[in-house]
N, C-alpha and C. Protein backbone atom coordinates (compact mmCIF):
# COMPACT_ATOMS: atom_id res chain seq x y z
N MET A 1 87.43 99.93 80.35
CA MET A 1 87.62 98.42 80.68
C MET A 1 86.28 98.00 81.51
N SER A 2 85.74 96.88 81.02
CA SER A 2 84.60 96.36 81.74
C SER A 2 84.85 95.81 83.02
N ILE A 3 83.75 95.69 83.79
CA ILE A 3 83.82 95.01 85.14
C ILE A 3 83.30 93.64 84.98
N ASP A 4 83.99 92.71 85.48
CA ASP A 4 83.55 91.32 85.35
C ASP A 4 82.82 91.01 86.64
N PHE A 5 81.56 90.59 86.63
CA PHE A 5 80.87 90.08 87.67
C PHE A 5 80.74 88.63 87.83
N HIS A 6 81.01 88.05 89.09
CA HIS A 6 80.93 86.56 89.18
C HIS A 6 79.79 86.40 90.30
N GLU A 7 78.75 85.74 89.90
CA GLU A 7 77.56 85.59 90.80
C GLU A 7 77.50 84.13 91.34
N PHE A 8 77.20 84.02 92.59
CA PHE A 8 77.08 82.73 93.29
C PHE A 8 75.91 82.63 94.16
N ALA A 9 75.40 81.42 94.29
CA ALA A 9 74.30 81.16 94.97
C ALA A 9 74.53 81.12 96.61
N ASP A 10 75.70 80.84 96.85
CA ASP A 10 76.07 80.77 98.39
C ASP A 10 77.60 81.21 98.61
N THR A 11 77.91 81.30 99.80
CA THR A 11 79.26 81.83 100.09
C THR A 11 80.36 80.76 99.89
N ALA A 12 79.83 79.59 100.11
CA ALA A 12 80.87 78.38 99.84
C ALA A 12 81.37 78.38 98.42
N SER A 13 80.46 78.52 97.58
CA SER A 13 80.76 78.34 96.11
C SER A 13 81.52 79.63 95.68
N LEU A 14 81.21 80.85 96.35
CA LEU A 14 82.02 81.89 95.96
C LEU A 14 83.44 81.87 96.54
N ASP A 15 83.61 81.46 97.74
CA ASP A 15 84.89 81.25 98.39
C ASP A 15 85.77 80.36 97.46
N ALA A 16 85.22 79.16 97.00
CA ALA A 16 85.92 78.15 96.28
C ALA A 16 86.34 78.81 95.00
N ALA A 17 85.52 79.44 94.30
CA ALA A 17 85.76 80.03 92.97
C ALA A 17 86.83 81.23 93.15
N LEU A 18 86.73 81.97 94.10
CA LEU A 18 87.60 83.22 94.40
C LEU A 18 88.92 82.62 94.74
N ALA A 19 89.08 81.48 95.52
CA ALA A 19 90.44 81.04 95.93
C ALA A 19 91.11 80.49 94.59
N ASP A 20 90.28 79.76 93.79
CA ASP A 20 90.96 79.34 92.51
C ASP A 20 91.54 80.56 91.65
N PHE A 21 90.66 81.59 91.62
CA PHE A 21 90.90 82.79 90.86
C PHE A 21 92.29 83.43 91.36
N VAL A 22 92.36 83.51 92.72
CA VAL A 22 93.57 84.05 93.26
C VAL A 22 94.74 83.36 93.12
N VAL A 23 94.56 81.97 93.37
CA VAL A 23 95.69 81.09 93.15
C VAL A 23 96.43 81.24 91.78
N ALA A 24 95.40 81.13 90.81
CA ALA A 24 95.97 81.30 89.42
C ALA A 24 96.74 82.49 89.17
N ARG A 25 96.38 83.71 89.64
CA ARG A 25 97.13 84.98 89.44
C ARG A 25 98.46 84.96 90.23
N LEU A 26 98.46 84.41 91.41
CA LEU A 26 99.72 84.25 92.22
C LEU A 26 100.60 83.35 91.50
N ALA A 27 100.05 82.30 91.07
CA ALA A 27 101.03 81.26 90.40
C ALA A 27 101.74 81.97 89.10
N ASP A 28 100.79 82.59 88.39
CA ASP A 28 101.28 83.38 87.26
C ASP A 28 102.29 84.36 87.59
N GLY A 29 102.15 85.14 88.72
CA GLY A 29 103.14 86.12 89.08
C GLY A 29 104.48 85.54 89.39
N ILE A 30 104.39 84.47 90.12
CA ILE A 30 105.63 83.59 90.47
C ILE A 30 106.30 83.17 89.14
N ALA A 31 105.65 82.72 88.24
CA ALA A 31 106.20 82.13 87.09
C ALA A 31 106.75 83.22 86.26
N GLN A 32 106.16 84.40 86.18
CA GLN A 32 106.59 85.54 85.35
C GLN A 32 107.62 86.27 85.99
N ARG A 33 107.59 86.52 87.28
CA ARG A 33 108.37 87.41 87.92
C ARG A 33 109.25 86.99 89.04
N GLY A 34 109.09 85.82 89.40
CA GLY A 34 109.85 85.14 90.48
C GLY A 34 109.23 85.27 91.90
N ARG A 35 108.40 86.30 92.17
CA ARG A 35 107.66 86.53 93.35
C ARG A 35 106.23 87.15 92.97
N ALA A 36 105.28 86.99 93.91
CA ALA A 36 104.05 87.52 93.68
C ALA A 36 103.49 88.15 94.96
N SER A 37 102.48 89.06 94.92
CA SER A 37 101.95 89.78 96.03
C SER A 37 100.39 89.67 96.13
N LEU A 38 99.93 89.61 97.44
CA LEU A 38 98.57 89.49 97.66
C LEU A 38 98.26 90.46 98.66
N VAL A 39 97.21 91.39 98.48
CA VAL A 39 96.66 92.22 99.50
C VAL A 39 95.30 91.91 99.80
N VAL A 40 95.08 91.70 101.16
CA VAL A 40 93.63 91.21 101.52
C VAL A 40 93.08 92.14 102.44
N SER A 41 91.88 92.07 102.77
CA SER A 41 91.01 92.80 103.60
C SER A 41 90.67 92.09 104.76
N GLY A 42 90.21 92.71 105.84
CA GLY A 42 89.85 91.98 107.14
C GLY A 42 88.38 91.85 107.16
N GLY A 43 87.92 91.56 108.40
CA GLY A 43 86.51 91.39 108.61
C GLY A 43 86.05 89.89 108.59
N ARG A 44 84.74 89.74 108.70
CA ARG A 44 84.29 88.28 108.70
C ARG A 44 84.14 87.68 107.34
N THR A 45 83.94 88.54 106.40
CA THR A 45 83.61 87.95 105.00
C THR A 45 84.69 87.14 104.40
N PRO A 46 85.91 87.41 104.51
CA PRO A 46 87.01 86.64 103.92
C PRO A 46 87.47 85.39 104.60
N ARG A 47 86.95 85.07 105.82
CA ARG A 47 87.50 84.07 106.65
C ARG A 47 87.56 82.73 105.83
N GLY A 48 86.31 82.31 105.21
CA GLY A 48 86.31 81.08 104.31
C GLY A 48 87.31 81.22 103.14
N LEU A 49 87.42 82.17 102.54
CA LEU A 49 88.42 82.35 101.54
C LEU A 49 89.81 82.12 102.06
N PHE A 50 90.23 82.69 103.24
CA PHE A 50 91.48 82.55 103.84
C PHE A 50 91.79 81.22 104.00
N THR A 51 90.83 80.32 104.57
CA THR A 51 91.02 79.00 104.87
C THR A 51 91.28 78.19 103.58
N ARG A 52 90.63 78.43 102.54
CA ARG A 52 90.74 77.76 101.15
C ARG A 52 92.25 78.12 100.65
N LEU A 53 92.62 79.44 100.67
CA LEU A 53 93.90 79.84 100.23
C LEU A 53 94.97 79.29 100.98
N SER A 54 94.87 79.10 102.25
CA SER A 54 95.92 78.53 103.22
C SER A 54 96.29 77.15 102.63
N ARG A 55 95.39 76.43 102.08
CA ARG A 55 95.69 74.98 101.70
C ARG A 55 96.08 74.88 100.28
N ALA A 56 96.24 75.99 99.56
CA ALA A 56 96.65 76.07 98.17
C ALA A 56 98.02 75.55 97.94
N ASP A 57 98.18 74.77 96.91
CA ASP A 57 99.54 74.25 96.48
C ASP A 57 100.28 75.36 95.69
N LEU A 58 100.85 76.32 96.41
CA LEU A 58 101.71 77.43 95.90
C LEU A 58 102.96 77.43 96.54
N ASP A 59 103.91 78.12 95.88
CA ASP A 59 105.26 78.39 96.58
C ASP A 59 105.00 79.65 97.43
N TRP A 60 104.51 79.42 98.67
CA TRP A 60 104.11 80.51 99.40
C TRP A 60 105.34 81.29 99.95
N SER A 61 106.55 80.64 99.89
CA SER A 61 107.69 81.35 100.39
C SER A 61 108.08 82.53 99.32
N SER A 62 107.43 82.37 98.05
CA SER A 62 107.65 83.36 96.99
C SER A 62 106.61 84.44 97.02
N ILE A 63 105.75 84.47 98.03
CA ILE A 63 104.56 85.29 98.03
C ILE A 63 104.57 86.27 99.20
N ASP A 64 104.41 87.58 98.85
CA ASP A 64 104.28 88.72 99.85
C ASP A 64 102.80 88.95 100.26
N VAL A 65 102.43 89.10 101.38
CA VAL A 65 101.02 89.26 101.79
C VAL A 65 101.01 90.51 102.72
N THR A 66 100.11 91.39 102.49
CA THR A 66 99.81 92.41 103.44
C THR A 66 98.34 92.72 103.47
N LEU A 67 97.80 93.63 104.22
CA LEU A 67 96.47 94.16 104.32
C LEU A 67 96.24 95.47 103.63
N ALA A 68 95.00 95.62 103.27
CA ALA A 68 94.61 96.85 102.75
C ALA A 68 94.55 98.03 103.74
N ASP A 69 94.23 97.55 105.02
CA ASP A 69 94.09 98.45 106.00
C ASP A 69 94.17 97.77 107.36
N GLU A 70 94.26 98.43 108.46
CA GLU A 70 94.23 97.87 109.82
C GLU A 70 93.73 98.85 110.77
N ARG A 71 93.10 98.34 111.79
CA ARG A 71 92.57 98.96 112.98
C ARG A 71 93.81 99.23 113.90
N TRP A 72 93.96 100.35 114.51
CA TRP A 72 95.22 100.47 115.32
C TRP A 72 95.01 99.95 116.74
N VAL A 73 95.07 98.62 116.77
CA VAL A 73 94.91 98.00 117.96
C VAL A 73 96.02 96.89 118.02
N PRO A 74 96.36 96.28 119.24
CA PRO A 74 97.31 95.29 119.28
C PRO A 74 96.93 94.08 118.33
N ASN A 75 97.94 93.31 117.92
CA ASN A 75 97.54 92.18 116.99
C ASN A 75 96.84 91.00 117.62
N ASP A 76 96.75 91.03 118.93
CA ASP A 76 95.98 89.98 119.58
C ASP A 76 94.61 90.50 119.90
N HIS A 77 94.26 91.67 119.59
CA HIS A 77 92.85 92.28 119.82
C HIS A 77 91.87 91.59 118.97
N ALA A 78 90.66 91.44 119.51
CA ALA A 78 89.49 90.77 118.64
C ALA A 78 89.31 91.61 117.37
N ASP A 79 89.61 92.80 117.30
CA ASP A 79 89.29 93.69 116.13
C ASP A 79 90.42 93.75 115.22
N SER A 80 91.51 93.01 115.46
CA SER A 80 92.79 93.16 114.70
C SER A 80 92.54 92.40 113.25
N ASN A 81 92.83 93.03 112.19
CA ASN A 81 92.73 92.34 110.93
C ASN A 81 93.90 91.37 110.83
N GLU A 82 94.98 91.86 111.39
CA GLU A 82 96.23 90.94 111.34
C GLU A 82 95.95 89.57 112.12
N ARG A 83 95.29 89.64 113.22
CA ARG A 83 94.87 88.45 113.88
C ARG A 83 94.14 87.50 112.99
N SER A 84 93.17 87.93 112.36
CA SER A 84 92.31 87.17 111.50
C SER A 84 93.14 86.56 110.32
N VAL A 85 94.07 87.29 109.79
CA VAL A 85 94.97 86.78 108.71
C VAL A 85 95.89 85.74 109.37
N ARG A 86 96.50 85.94 110.40
CA ARG A 86 97.28 85.00 110.97
C ARG A 86 96.65 83.63 111.36
N GLU A 87 95.40 83.78 111.89
CA GLU A 87 94.61 82.57 112.26
C GLU A 87 94.05 81.81 111.16
N ALA A 88 93.64 82.52 110.08
CA ALA A 88 93.00 81.78 108.93
C ALA A 88 93.76 81.64 107.70
N LEU A 89 94.63 82.60 107.34
CA LEU A 89 95.38 82.49 106.11
C LEU A 89 96.88 81.99 106.23
N LEU A 90 97.57 82.55 107.20
CA LEU A 90 99.04 82.28 107.26
C LEU A 90 99.23 81.01 108.15
N VAL A 91 98.52 79.93 107.75
CA VAL A 91 98.60 78.68 108.36
C VAL A 91 98.88 77.68 107.28
N ASP A 92 98.99 76.36 107.69
CA ASP A 92 99.04 75.24 106.75
C ASP A 92 100.09 75.58 105.73
N ARG A 93 99.84 75.38 104.29
CA ARG A 93 100.91 75.62 103.33
C ARG A 93 101.33 77.14 103.24
N ALA A 94 100.32 78.02 103.63
CA ALA A 94 100.61 79.47 103.55
C ALA A 94 101.47 79.98 104.65
N ALA A 95 101.82 79.20 105.57
CA ALA A 95 102.63 79.68 106.73
C ALA A 95 103.91 80.19 106.27
N THR A 96 104.42 79.80 105.16
CA THR A 96 105.67 80.29 104.74
C THR A 96 105.71 81.73 104.00
N ALA A 97 104.54 82.30 103.76
CA ALA A 97 104.42 83.50 103.06
C ALA A 97 105.16 84.48 103.88
N ARG A 98 105.57 85.55 103.15
CA ARG A 98 106.21 86.76 103.93
C ARG A 98 105.01 87.80 104.10
N PHE A 99 104.77 87.98 105.42
CA PHE A 99 103.68 89.01 105.84
C PHE A 99 104.27 90.15 106.30
N LEU A 100 103.75 91.23 105.74
CA LEU A 100 103.96 92.67 106.21
C LEU A 100 102.82 93.23 106.95
N ALA A 101 102.91 93.28 108.36
CA ALA A 101 102.04 93.75 109.02
C ALA A 101 101.85 95.25 109.18
N PRO A 102 100.74 95.85 108.93
CA PRO A 102 100.59 97.30 109.06
C PRO A 102 100.84 97.77 110.39
N PHE A 103 100.37 97.03 111.45
CA PHE A 103 100.50 97.54 112.91
C PHE A 103 101.88 97.07 113.29
N ASP A 104 102.58 98.13 113.91
CA ASP A 104 103.89 97.86 114.36
C ASP A 104 104.16 98.21 115.90
N GLY A 105 103.01 98.48 116.54
CA GLY A 105 103.06 98.79 117.96
C GLY A 105 103.33 100.22 118.30
N SER A 106 103.46 100.95 117.39
CA SER A 106 103.59 102.57 117.55
C SER A 106 102.34 102.97 118.30
N ALA A 107 102.59 104.14 119.07
CA ALA A 107 101.52 104.74 119.81
C ALA A 107 100.25 105.16 119.01
N THR A 108 100.55 105.60 117.78
CA THR A 108 99.63 106.25 116.99
C THR A 108 99.66 105.60 115.59
N ALA A 109 98.47 105.68 114.85
CA ALA A 109 98.50 105.21 113.50
C ALA A 109 99.37 106.10 112.63
N GLU A 110 99.39 107.38 112.93
CA GLU A 110 100.34 108.34 112.14
C GLU A 110 101.77 107.88 112.32
N ALA A 111 102.28 107.54 113.58
CA ALA A 111 103.62 107.19 113.64
C ALA A 111 103.87 105.73 112.90
N GLY A 112 102.89 104.91 112.97
CA GLY A 112 102.98 103.54 112.37
C GLY A 112 102.99 103.61 110.86
N CYS A 113 102.72 104.69 110.23
CA CYS A 113 102.60 104.77 108.80
C CYS A 113 104.01 104.54 108.37
N ALA A 114 105.06 105.18 108.97
CA ALA A 114 106.44 105.15 108.53
C ALA A 114 106.91 103.79 108.28
N ALA A 115 106.74 102.96 109.26
CA ALA A 115 107.19 101.45 109.21
C ALA A 115 106.52 100.77 108.04
N TRP A 116 105.21 101.01 107.90
CA TRP A 116 104.52 100.27 106.90
C TRP A 116 104.90 100.82 105.44
N ARG A 117 105.21 102.05 105.42
CA ARG A 117 105.62 102.76 104.13
C ARG A 117 107.04 102.08 103.74
N ALA A 118 107.86 101.98 104.77
CA ALA A 118 109.13 101.37 104.46
C ALA A 118 109.06 99.88 104.00
N GLY A 119 108.20 99.19 104.57
CA GLY A 119 108.03 97.74 104.20
C GLY A 119 107.42 97.65 102.88
N LEU A 120 106.37 98.47 102.45
CA LEU A 120 105.77 98.45 101.15
C LEU A 120 106.70 98.85 100.11
N ALA A 121 107.81 99.74 100.40
CA ALA A 121 108.73 99.98 99.38
C ALA A 121 109.53 98.79 98.85
N LYS A 122 109.62 97.67 99.68
CA LYS A 122 110.34 96.45 99.29
C LYS A 122 109.39 95.42 98.91
N PHE A 123 108.14 95.78 98.66
CA PHE A 123 107.09 94.69 98.40
C PHE A 123 107.05 94.58 96.90
N THR A 124 106.56 93.32 96.48
CA THR A 124 106.44 93.05 95.02
C THR A 124 105.28 93.84 94.55
N ARG A 125 105.50 94.73 93.63
CA ARG A 125 104.53 95.75 93.12
C ARG A 125 104.77 95.96 91.49
N PRO A 126 103.62 96.15 90.90
CA PRO A 126 102.29 96.25 91.33
C PRO A 126 101.84 95.01 92.02
N PHE A 127 100.84 95.09 92.92
CA PHE A 127 100.27 93.97 93.59
C PHE A 127 99.61 93.03 92.57
N ASP A 128 99.83 91.81 92.66
CA ASP A 128 99.33 90.88 91.65
C ASP A 128 97.75 90.78 91.86
N VAL A 129 97.32 90.70 93.14
CA VAL A 129 95.93 90.65 93.42
C VAL A 129 95.76 91.56 94.75
N LEU A 130 94.64 92.38 94.64
CA LEU A 130 94.28 93.18 95.85
C LEU A 130 92.84 92.94 95.98
N ILE A 131 92.42 92.35 97.20
CA ILE A 131 90.97 92.04 97.42
C ILE A 131 90.47 93.17 98.42
N LEU A 132 89.35 93.74 97.93
CA LEU A 132 88.64 94.73 98.77
C LEU A 132 87.39 94.17 99.34
N GLY A 133 86.91 94.82 100.39
CA GLY A 133 85.70 94.56 100.87
C GLY A 133 84.87 96.01 100.82
N MET A 134 83.68 95.88 101.28
CA MET A 134 82.80 97.12 101.16
C MET A 134 82.02 97.22 102.51
N GLY A 135 82.02 98.26 103.15
CA GLY A 135 81.10 98.44 104.31
C GLY A 135 79.84 98.94 103.95
N ASN A 136 78.96 98.91 104.92
CA ASN A 136 77.57 99.39 104.74
C ASN A 136 77.37 100.86 104.27
N ASP A 137 78.55 101.63 104.54
CA ASP A 137 78.58 102.98 104.22
C ASP A 137 79.22 103.25 102.89
N GLY A 138 79.66 102.15 102.28
CA GLY A 138 80.44 102.34 100.97
C GLY A 138 81.93 102.55 101.17
N HIS A 139 82.39 102.31 102.38
CA HIS A 139 83.94 102.49 102.56
C HIS A 139 84.55 101.30 102.13
N THR A 140 85.81 101.38 101.74
CA THR A 140 86.72 100.24 101.32
C THR A 140 88.00 100.62 101.92
N ALA A 141 88.88 99.48 102.21
CA ALA A 141 90.05 99.66 103.13
C ALA A 141 89.56 100.32 104.34
N SER A 142 90.29 101.37 104.73
CA SER A 142 89.72 102.27 105.73
C SER A 142 89.58 103.71 105.35
N LEU A 143 89.15 103.71 103.97
CA LEU A 143 88.71 105.06 103.35
C LEU A 143 87.24 105.27 103.68
N PHE A 144 87.02 105.94 104.87
CA PHE A 144 85.58 106.11 105.24
C PHE A 144 85.13 107.38 104.74
N PRO A 145 83.86 107.50 104.27
CA PRO A 145 83.29 108.77 103.86
C PRO A 145 83.18 109.88 104.90
N ASP A 146 83.05 109.55 106.17
CA ASP A 146 82.91 110.42 107.15
C ASP A 146 84.25 110.89 107.82
N ALA A 147 85.36 110.33 107.38
CA ALA A 147 86.62 110.60 108.06
C ALA A 147 87.19 112.05 107.45
N ALA A 148 87.78 112.68 108.39
CA ALA A 148 88.35 114.04 107.86
C ALA A 148 89.46 113.84 106.77
N GLU A 149 90.18 112.67 106.91
CA GLU A 149 91.24 112.40 105.91
C GLU A 149 90.90 111.87 104.59
N ILE A 150 89.45 111.71 104.33
CA ILE A 150 89.06 111.07 103.14
C ILE A 150 89.53 111.75 101.81
N GLY A 151 89.64 113.13 101.80
CA GLY A 151 90.09 113.82 100.67
C GLY A 151 91.52 113.44 100.32
N THR A 152 92.27 113.26 101.36
CA THR A 152 93.74 112.99 101.19
C THR A 152 93.98 111.67 100.77
N GLY A 153 93.07 110.67 101.36
CA GLY A 153 93.15 109.28 100.97
C GLY A 153 92.75 108.99 99.55
N LEU A 154 91.78 109.81 99.02
CA LEU A 154 91.32 109.48 97.69
C LEU A 154 91.94 110.43 96.61
N ASP A 155 92.87 111.29 96.92
CA ASP A 155 93.53 112.25 96.07
C ASP A 155 94.56 111.43 95.22
N LEU A 156 94.17 111.34 93.86
CA LEU A 156 95.17 110.67 92.89
C LEU A 156 96.41 111.27 92.86
N GLY A 157 96.54 112.57 93.21
CA GLY A 157 97.82 113.33 93.36
C GLY A 157 98.60 113.04 94.52
N ASN A 158 98.13 112.23 95.37
CA ASN A 158 98.76 111.93 96.56
C ASN A 158 99.61 110.70 96.35
N ASP A 159 100.94 110.72 96.31
CA ASP A 159 101.73 109.55 95.98
C ASP A 159 102.16 108.71 97.13
N ASP A 160 101.70 108.98 98.31
CA ASP A 160 101.98 108.24 99.58
C ASP A 160 101.32 106.99 99.46
N ASP A 161 102.00 105.94 100.19
CA ASP A 161 101.46 104.55 100.16
C ASP A 161 100.31 104.52 101.14
N CYS A 162 100.31 105.24 102.24
CA CYS A 162 99.32 104.93 103.29
C CYS A 162 99.08 106.28 104.04
N LEU A 163 97.97 106.21 104.86
CA LEU A 163 97.63 107.28 105.73
C LEU A 163 96.89 106.88 106.93
N ALA A 164 96.99 107.56 108.01
CA ALA A 164 96.18 107.29 109.25
C ALA A 164 94.81 107.84 108.95
N VAL A 165 93.81 107.18 109.40
CA VAL A 165 92.38 107.65 109.41
C VAL A 165 91.70 107.49 110.59
N HIS A 166 90.72 108.48 110.83
CA HIS A 166 90.02 108.48 112.08
C HIS A 166 88.54 108.62 111.85
N PRO A 167 87.87 107.51 111.59
CA PRO A 167 86.46 107.71 111.27
C PRO A 167 85.68 108.08 112.37
N THR A 168 84.64 108.79 112.18
CA THR A 168 83.73 109.19 113.37
C THR A 168 82.64 108.17 113.62
N LEU A 169 82.27 107.31 112.73
CA LEU A 169 81.19 106.48 112.87
C LEU A 169 81.54 104.96 113.13
N ALA A 170 83.00 104.69 113.28
CA ALA A 170 83.46 103.34 113.36
C ALA A 170 84.58 103.41 114.58
N PRO A 171 84.78 102.29 115.29
CA PRO A 171 85.67 102.41 116.32
C PRO A 171 87.12 102.38 115.88
N HIS A 172 87.99 102.79 116.59
CA HIS A 172 89.42 102.77 116.41
C HIS A 172 89.99 103.66 115.30
N ALA A 173 91.18 104.23 115.73
CA ALA A 173 91.92 104.86 114.47
C ALA A 173 92.26 103.66 113.57
N ARG A 174 92.63 104.16 112.33
CA ARG A 174 93.03 103.09 111.24
C ARG A 174 94.25 103.51 110.62
N ILE A 175 94.86 102.64 109.86
CA ILE A 175 95.86 102.89 108.82
C ILE A 175 95.33 102.29 107.56
N SER A 176 95.53 102.80 106.45
CA SER A 176 94.98 102.42 105.09
C SER A 176 95.88 102.75 104.10
N LEU A 177 95.90 101.91 103.02
CA LEU A 177 96.47 102.20 101.76
C LEU A 177 95.56 103.35 101.10
N THR A 178 96.29 104.17 100.44
CA THR A 178 95.61 105.39 99.70
C THR A 178 95.00 104.74 98.43
N ARG A 179 94.14 105.67 97.84
CA ARG A 179 93.52 105.29 96.55
C ARG A 179 94.69 104.89 95.49
N LYS A 180 95.62 105.82 95.36
CA LYS A 180 96.54 105.56 94.33
C LYS A 180 97.35 104.33 94.46
N ARG A 181 97.66 103.97 95.84
CA ARG A 181 98.30 102.66 96.07
C ARG A 181 97.42 101.49 95.76
N ILE A 182 96.16 101.56 96.12
CA ILE A 182 95.25 100.54 95.82
C ILE A 182 95.26 100.20 94.31
N LEU A 183 95.25 101.32 93.52
CA LEU A 183 95.18 101.12 92.06
C LEU A 183 96.50 100.73 91.54
N ASP A 184 97.54 100.61 92.24
CA ASP A 184 98.81 100.11 91.74
C ASP A 184 98.70 98.58 91.80
N SER A 185 97.79 97.97 91.10
CA SER A 185 97.67 96.52 91.19
C SER A 185 97.45 96.00 89.71
N ARG A 186 97.78 94.71 89.61
CA ARG A 186 97.46 94.04 88.35
C ARG A 186 96.02 93.48 88.23
N CYS A 187 95.38 93.33 89.39
CA CYS A 187 94.05 92.91 89.42
C CYS A 187 93.34 93.34 90.79
N LEU A 188 92.19 93.87 90.65
CA LEU A 188 91.44 94.26 91.88
C LEU A 188 90.23 93.38 91.81
N VAL A 189 89.83 92.98 93.08
CA VAL A 189 88.69 92.14 93.49
C VAL A 189 87.85 92.79 94.45
N LEU A 190 86.46 92.74 94.26
CA LEU A 190 85.65 93.19 95.37
C LEU A 190 84.84 91.92 95.86
N HIS A 191 84.97 91.67 97.00
CA HIS A 191 84.37 90.35 97.62
C HIS A 191 83.21 90.79 98.65
N VAL A 192 81.95 90.56 98.22
CA VAL A 192 80.82 90.99 98.91
C VAL A 192 79.82 89.80 98.97
N THR A 193 79.05 89.82 100.11
CA THR A 193 77.99 88.86 100.24
C THR A 193 76.79 89.41 100.79
N GLY A 194 75.60 88.81 100.45
CA GLY A 194 74.38 89.22 101.18
C GLY A 194 73.50 90.30 100.29
N ALA A 195 72.20 90.36 100.73
CA ALA A 195 71.25 91.12 99.86
C ALA A 195 71.53 92.57 100.22
N ASP A 196 71.97 92.95 101.47
CA ASP A 196 72.25 94.39 101.70
C ASP A 196 73.27 94.85 100.78
N LYS A 197 74.41 94.11 100.66
CA LYS A 197 75.43 94.56 99.90
C LYS A 197 75.13 94.63 98.41
N ARG A 198 74.32 93.76 97.91
CA ARG A 198 73.87 93.78 96.58
C ARG A 198 72.94 95.02 96.44
N GLU A 199 72.13 95.44 97.28
CA GLU A 199 71.32 96.75 97.01
C GLU A 199 72.24 97.96 97.16
N LEU A 200 73.40 97.92 98.03
CA LEU A 200 74.18 98.99 98.12
C LEU A 200 75.05 99.08 96.73
N LEU A 201 75.32 97.99 96.13
CA LEU A 201 76.12 98.07 94.92
C LEU A 201 75.38 98.78 93.91
N GLU A 202 74.16 98.58 93.83
CA GLU A 202 73.27 99.22 92.76
C GLU A 202 73.44 100.67 92.97
N ARG A 203 73.66 101.28 94.13
CA ARG A 203 73.81 102.80 94.51
C ARG A 203 75.20 103.16 94.18
N VAL A 204 76.21 102.26 94.46
CA VAL A 204 77.55 102.52 94.22
C VAL A 204 77.78 102.71 92.67
N MET A 205 77.13 101.89 92.01
CA MET A 205 77.38 101.96 90.44
C MET A 205 76.59 103.00 89.76
N ALA A 206 75.75 103.69 90.44
CA ALA A 206 75.13 104.93 89.87
C ALA A 206 76.26 106.02 89.79
N GLU A 207 76.03 107.11 88.95
CA GLU A 207 76.89 108.10 88.88
C GLU A 207 76.92 108.85 90.31
N GLY A 208 78.15 109.39 90.70
CA GLY A 208 78.28 110.01 91.81
C GLY A 208 79.70 110.26 92.27
N PRO A 209 79.91 111.13 93.29
CA PRO A 209 81.35 111.29 93.62
C PRO A 209 81.96 110.16 94.47
N VAL A 210 83.18 109.92 94.20
CA VAL A 210 83.81 108.78 94.92
C VAL A 210 83.92 109.10 96.43
N GLU A 211 83.84 110.35 96.86
CA GLU A 211 83.85 110.71 98.26
C GLU A 211 82.58 110.12 99.02
N GLN A 212 81.42 110.10 98.13
CA GLN A 212 80.21 109.48 98.82
C GLN A 212 80.29 108.05 99.11
N TYR A 213 80.75 107.20 98.18
CA TYR A 213 80.99 105.86 98.42
C TYR A 213 82.49 105.52 97.87
N PRO A 214 83.37 105.53 98.83
CA PRO A 214 84.87 105.39 98.42
C PRO A 214 85.10 104.16 97.56
N ILE A 215 84.33 102.95 97.68
CA ILE A 215 84.49 101.92 96.87
C ILE A 215 84.44 102.29 95.43
N ARG A 216 83.84 103.42 95.13
CA ARG A 216 83.79 103.82 93.71
C ARG A 216 85.15 103.92 93.11
N LEU A 217 86.16 103.93 93.96
CA LEU A 217 87.55 104.16 93.35
C LEU A 217 87.94 102.97 92.40
N ALA A 218 87.32 101.78 92.70
CA ALA A 218 87.50 100.66 91.93
C ALA A 218 86.65 100.71 90.61
N PHE A 219 85.47 101.20 90.61
CA PHE A 219 84.55 101.22 89.64
C PHE A 219 84.81 102.49 88.69
N GLN A 220 85.36 103.54 89.22
CA GLN A 220 85.55 104.77 88.35
C GLN A 220 86.99 104.77 87.95
N GLN A 221 87.47 103.79 87.29
CA GLN A 221 88.97 103.70 86.79
C GLN A 221 88.87 102.67 85.64
N THR A 222 89.74 102.78 84.73
CA THR A 222 89.75 101.95 83.49
C THR A 222 91.22 101.27 83.28
N ASP A 223 92.07 101.38 84.27
CA ASP A 223 93.32 100.91 83.96
C ASP A 223 93.57 99.46 84.58
N VAL A 224 92.85 99.13 85.58
CA VAL A 224 93.18 97.91 86.34
C VAL A 224 91.93 96.85 86.14
N PRO A 225 92.16 95.65 85.69
CA PRO A 225 91.13 94.69 85.55
C PRO A 225 90.41 94.56 86.91
N PHE A 226 89.06 94.49 86.95
CA PHE A 226 88.32 94.52 88.25
C PHE A 226 87.24 93.57 88.06
N HIS A 227 87.28 92.76 89.19
CA HIS A 227 86.22 91.60 89.22
C HIS A 227 85.53 91.82 90.55
N VAL A 228 84.15 91.56 90.50
CA VAL A 228 83.22 91.50 91.59
C VAL A 228 82.71 90.29 91.80
N PHE A 229 83.16 89.55 92.91
CA PHE A 229 82.68 88.28 93.34
C PHE A 229 81.50 88.49 94.50
N ARG A 230 80.24 88.11 94.22
CA ARG A 230 79.22 88.43 95.08
C ARG A 230 78.18 87.29 95.11
N THR A 231 77.48 87.25 96.19
CA THR A 231 76.31 86.21 96.29
C THR A 231 75.09 87.09 96.03
């Protein structure tokens, strides 16, 4: 299966096009199956996208939303992905979406996996759209190349939905979807901006182990339609 690249001159144009792309797939999911599901990533890059999606004319009460990963911090912490989603996405028309928060207040990410796993079992799957980001080290979700848990997270024989991750070069313990669960999607999207990420993508798309650049999990598969939206 080929990879579809969508190129844009600026982030505003990208955000507008990606919002339209996501809305069309969510609307189709609702029409075909009664509910749809959206998995998003945190960080600064998707904030503009979130704002556009929040205003979309969709039956948001029929849409399940969760994150691809979360930092194990309170949901009012500045580094919380949930906080970003609640502030920018789950507002306006999208306020009625059903949100599954990965962080449940447990003392550790390991303990929190149980609650997220239980919630994901009731989620609309395969995910209609799963939007990934990419870090400067090639990580995606919280599958970091330097983390001791990377082998488990990337193991296609691991049927678990999620795992706790402890990166050595990034702050906070994390909770992340596994590679196998990320690929349990009807459509994968990589959302990246800037010249640095463009250069990194060239290295990612070269042959090499997925453990080196975990975002390769999306490039090194042929079952799920994959779209790259980039400036």
